[in-house]
């Protein structure tokens, strides 16, 4: 399987909360770090259990764009993976999530591969904020 295809399938498995596919696409030594909260998810079983226990349930996730040799687009309602890009053993996933309470977060995930499988994931979550007025003459709005 091509590297880009592996990353796309892994992101789709996350989108469906498909732990079996994630297991097949992940290295036996897989783990995920969440630096903002200082947590490490030590294995896929813990990852699955965290998402099953998410207050309000797991939101639907899907792909919107895969950036690479061939782009793909899908629009989704609750959580959107907007871009996947990278090469070799280092890939970045960008997305926006709307959680059950209505909070919206931007998400960036760095995936590192080993032996043709997802080995390490580091995910950052950031709440949007109002741009300060003093920058308005230097910037233009996105979207």
Protein backbone atom coordinates (compact mmCIF):
# COMPACT_ATOMS: atom_id res chain seq x y z
CA UNK A 1 0.00 0.00 0.00
CA UNK A 2 1.28 3.48 -0.86
CA UNK A 3 2.08 5.72 2.12
CA UNK A 4 -0.54 8.34 1.19
CA UNK A 5 -3.18 5.60 0.92
CA UNK A 6 -2.21 4.24 4.35
CA UNK A 7 -2.57 7.68 5.96
CA UNK A 8 -5.90 8.28 4.19
CA UNK A 9 -7.27 4.91 5.37
CA UNK A 10 -6.03 5.56 8.91
CA UNK A 11 -7.79 8.97 8.94
CA UNK A 12 -10.97 7.36 7.58
CA UNK A 13 -10.78 4.68 10.30
CA UNK A 14 -10.50 7.43 12.92
CA UNK A 15 -13.47 9.10 11.22
CA UNK A 16 -15.62 6.01 11.68
CA UNK A 17 -14.13 5.17 15.09
CA UNK A 18 -13.17 1.88 13.40
CA UNK A 19 -10.78 0.38 15.94
CA UNK A 20 -10.20 -2.80 13.93
CA UNK A 21 -8.98 -0.92 10.84
CA UNK A 22 -6.89 1.40 13.03
CA UNK A 23 -5.31 -1.69 14.59
CA UNK A 24 -4.45 -3.15 11.15
CA UNK A 25 -2.89 0.14 10.03
CA UNK A 26 -0.99 0.84 13.25
CA UNK A 27 2.39 -0.36 14.44
CA UNK A 28 2.38 -2.74 17.43
CA UNK A 29 4.19 0.01 19.40
CA UNK A 30 1.57 2.69 18.52
CA UNK A 31 0.85 5.54 20.91
CA UNK A 32 -0.64 9.03 20.78
CA UNK A 33 0.41 12.11 22.74
CA UNK A 34 -1.82 15.05 23.66
CA UNK A 35 0.77 17.70 24.71
CA UNK A 36 -1.74 20.35 25.84
CA UNK A 37 -3.18 18.11 28.54
CA UNK A 38 0.10 16.27 29.20
CA UNK A 39 -1.43 12.87 28.39
CA UNK A 40 -0.18 9.86 26.48
CA UNK A 41 -2.58 7.25 25.12
CA UNK A 42 -0.38 4.15 25.49
CA UNK A 43 -2.16 1.80 23.09
CA UNK A 44 -5.10 1.41 20.74
CA UNK A 45 -7.27 -0.33 23.34
CA UNK A 46 -7.01 2.74 25.60
CA UNK A 47 -7.75 4.98 22.58
CA UNK A 48 -10.89 2.96 21.79
CA UNK A 49 -12.09 3.05 25.39
CA UNK A 50 -11.51 6.82 25.67
CA UNK A 51 -13.64 7.47 22.61
CA UNK A 52 -16.38 5.09 23.73
CA UNK A 53 -16.55 6.94 27.06
CA UNK A 54 -16.56 10.45 25.52
CA UNK A 55 -19.34 12.44 27.27
CA UNK A 56 -22.05 13.09 24.71
CA UNK A 57 -20.73 10.38 22.39
CA UNK A 58 -18.20 10.38 19.61
CA UNK A 59 -18.89 12.93 16.85
CA UNK A 60 -18.96 11.82 13.22
CA UNK A 61 -15.64 12.45 11.48
CA UNK A 62 -14.86 12.30 7.79
CA UNK A 63 -12.31 13.50 5.26
CA UNK A 64 -12.60 16.78 3.41
CA UNK A 65 -9.28 16.98 1.55
CA UNK A 66 -6.24 14.80 1.08
CA UNK A 67 -3.35 16.86 -0.28
CA UNK A 68 -0.87 14.85 -2.25
CA UNK A 69 -0.62 13.38 -5.71
CA UNK A 70 -4.42 13.20 -5.91
CA UNK A 71 -6.79 15.41 -3.84
CA UNK A 72 -10.10 14.06 -2.47
CA UNK A 73 -12.98 16.09 -0.95
CA UNK A 74 -15.86 15.16 1.38
CA UNK A 75 -17.99 17.61 3.41
CA UNK A 76 -19.08 16.47 6.87
CA UNK A 77 -21.38 17.68 9.69
CA UNK A 78 -19.59 17.31 13.08
CA UNK A 79 -15.87 16.77 12.68
CA UNK A 80 -14.00 17.46 9.49
CA UNK A 81 -10.53 16.39 8.56
CA UNK A 82 -9.72 19.19 6.15
CA UNK A 83 -6.25 18.29 4.88
CA UNK A 84 -3.76 15.49 4.92
CA UNK A 85 -0.29 16.18 3.60
CA UNK A 86 3.19 14.86 3.94
CA UNK A 87 5.72 12.49 2.52
CA UNK A 88 7.83 9.56 3.59
CA UNK A 89 7.26 8.75 7.25
CA UNK A 90 5.95 12.18 8.37
CA UNK A 91 2.36 13.30 7.75
CA UNK A 92 0.11 16.10 9.03
CA UNK A 93 -3.68 15.94 9.44
CA UNK A 94 -5.62 19.20 9.91
CA UNK A 95 -9.24 19.36 11.00
CA UNK A 96 -12.04 21.13 12.82
CA UNK A 97 -14.19 19.42 15.43
CA UNK A 98 -17.53 20.37 16.93
CA UNK A 99 -17.96 18.57 20.22
CA UNK A 100 -21.29 17.48 21.79
CA UNK A 101 -21.51 20.63 23.96
CA UNK A 102 -21.05 22.84 20.88
CA UNK A 103 -17.40 23.76 21.45
CA UNK A 104 -15.36 24.07 18.25
CA UNK A 105 -11.67 23.19 18.11
CA UNK A 106 -9.02 23.26 15.43
CA UNK A 107 -6.97 20.07 15.39
CA UNK A 108 -3.52 19.30 14.02
CA UNK A 109 -2.15 15.78 14.18
CA UNK A 110 1.41 14.78 13.33
CA UNK A 111 1.63 11.14 12.28
CA UNK A 112 4.94 9.31 12.10
CA UNK A 113 5.19 5.99 10.33
CA UNK A 114 7.45 3.02 10.95
CA UNK A 115 7.59 -0.23 9.00
CA UNK A 116 4.81 1.03 6.73
CA UNK A 117 2.35 1.57 9.63
CA UNK A 118 1.23 4.48 11.83
CA UNK A 119 3.66 4.41 14.75
CA UNK A 120 3.29 7.71 16.62
CA UNK A 121 0.61 10.38 16.68
CA UNK A 122 0.83 13.77 18.36
CA UNK A 123 -2.42 15.73 18.36
CA UNK A 124 -2.95 19.39 19.27
CA UNK A 125 -6.40 20.90 19.93
CA UNK A 126 -6.92 24.68 19.87
CA UNK A 127 -10.04 26.72 20.54
CA UNK A 128 -10.63 29.58 18.11
CA UNK A 129 -10.32 33.12 19.47
CA UNK A 130 -11.26 36.61 18.37
CA UNK A 131 -8.46 38.37 16.49
CA UNK A 132 -7.23 41.51 18.23
CA UNK A 133 -8.34 44.76 16.59
CA UNK A 134 -4.80 46.19 16.44
CA UNK A 135 -3.83 43.61 13.75
CA UNK A 136 -6.76 44.42 11.45
CA UNK A 137 -4.72 46.69 9.15
CA UNK A 138 -2.10 43.96 8.62
CA UNK A 139 -4.30 40.91 7.92
CA UNK A 140 -7.32 39.78 5.91
CA UNK A 141 -10.04 37.42 7.15
CA UNK A 142 -9.82 33.73 6.20
CA UNK A 143 -12.82 32.37 4.31
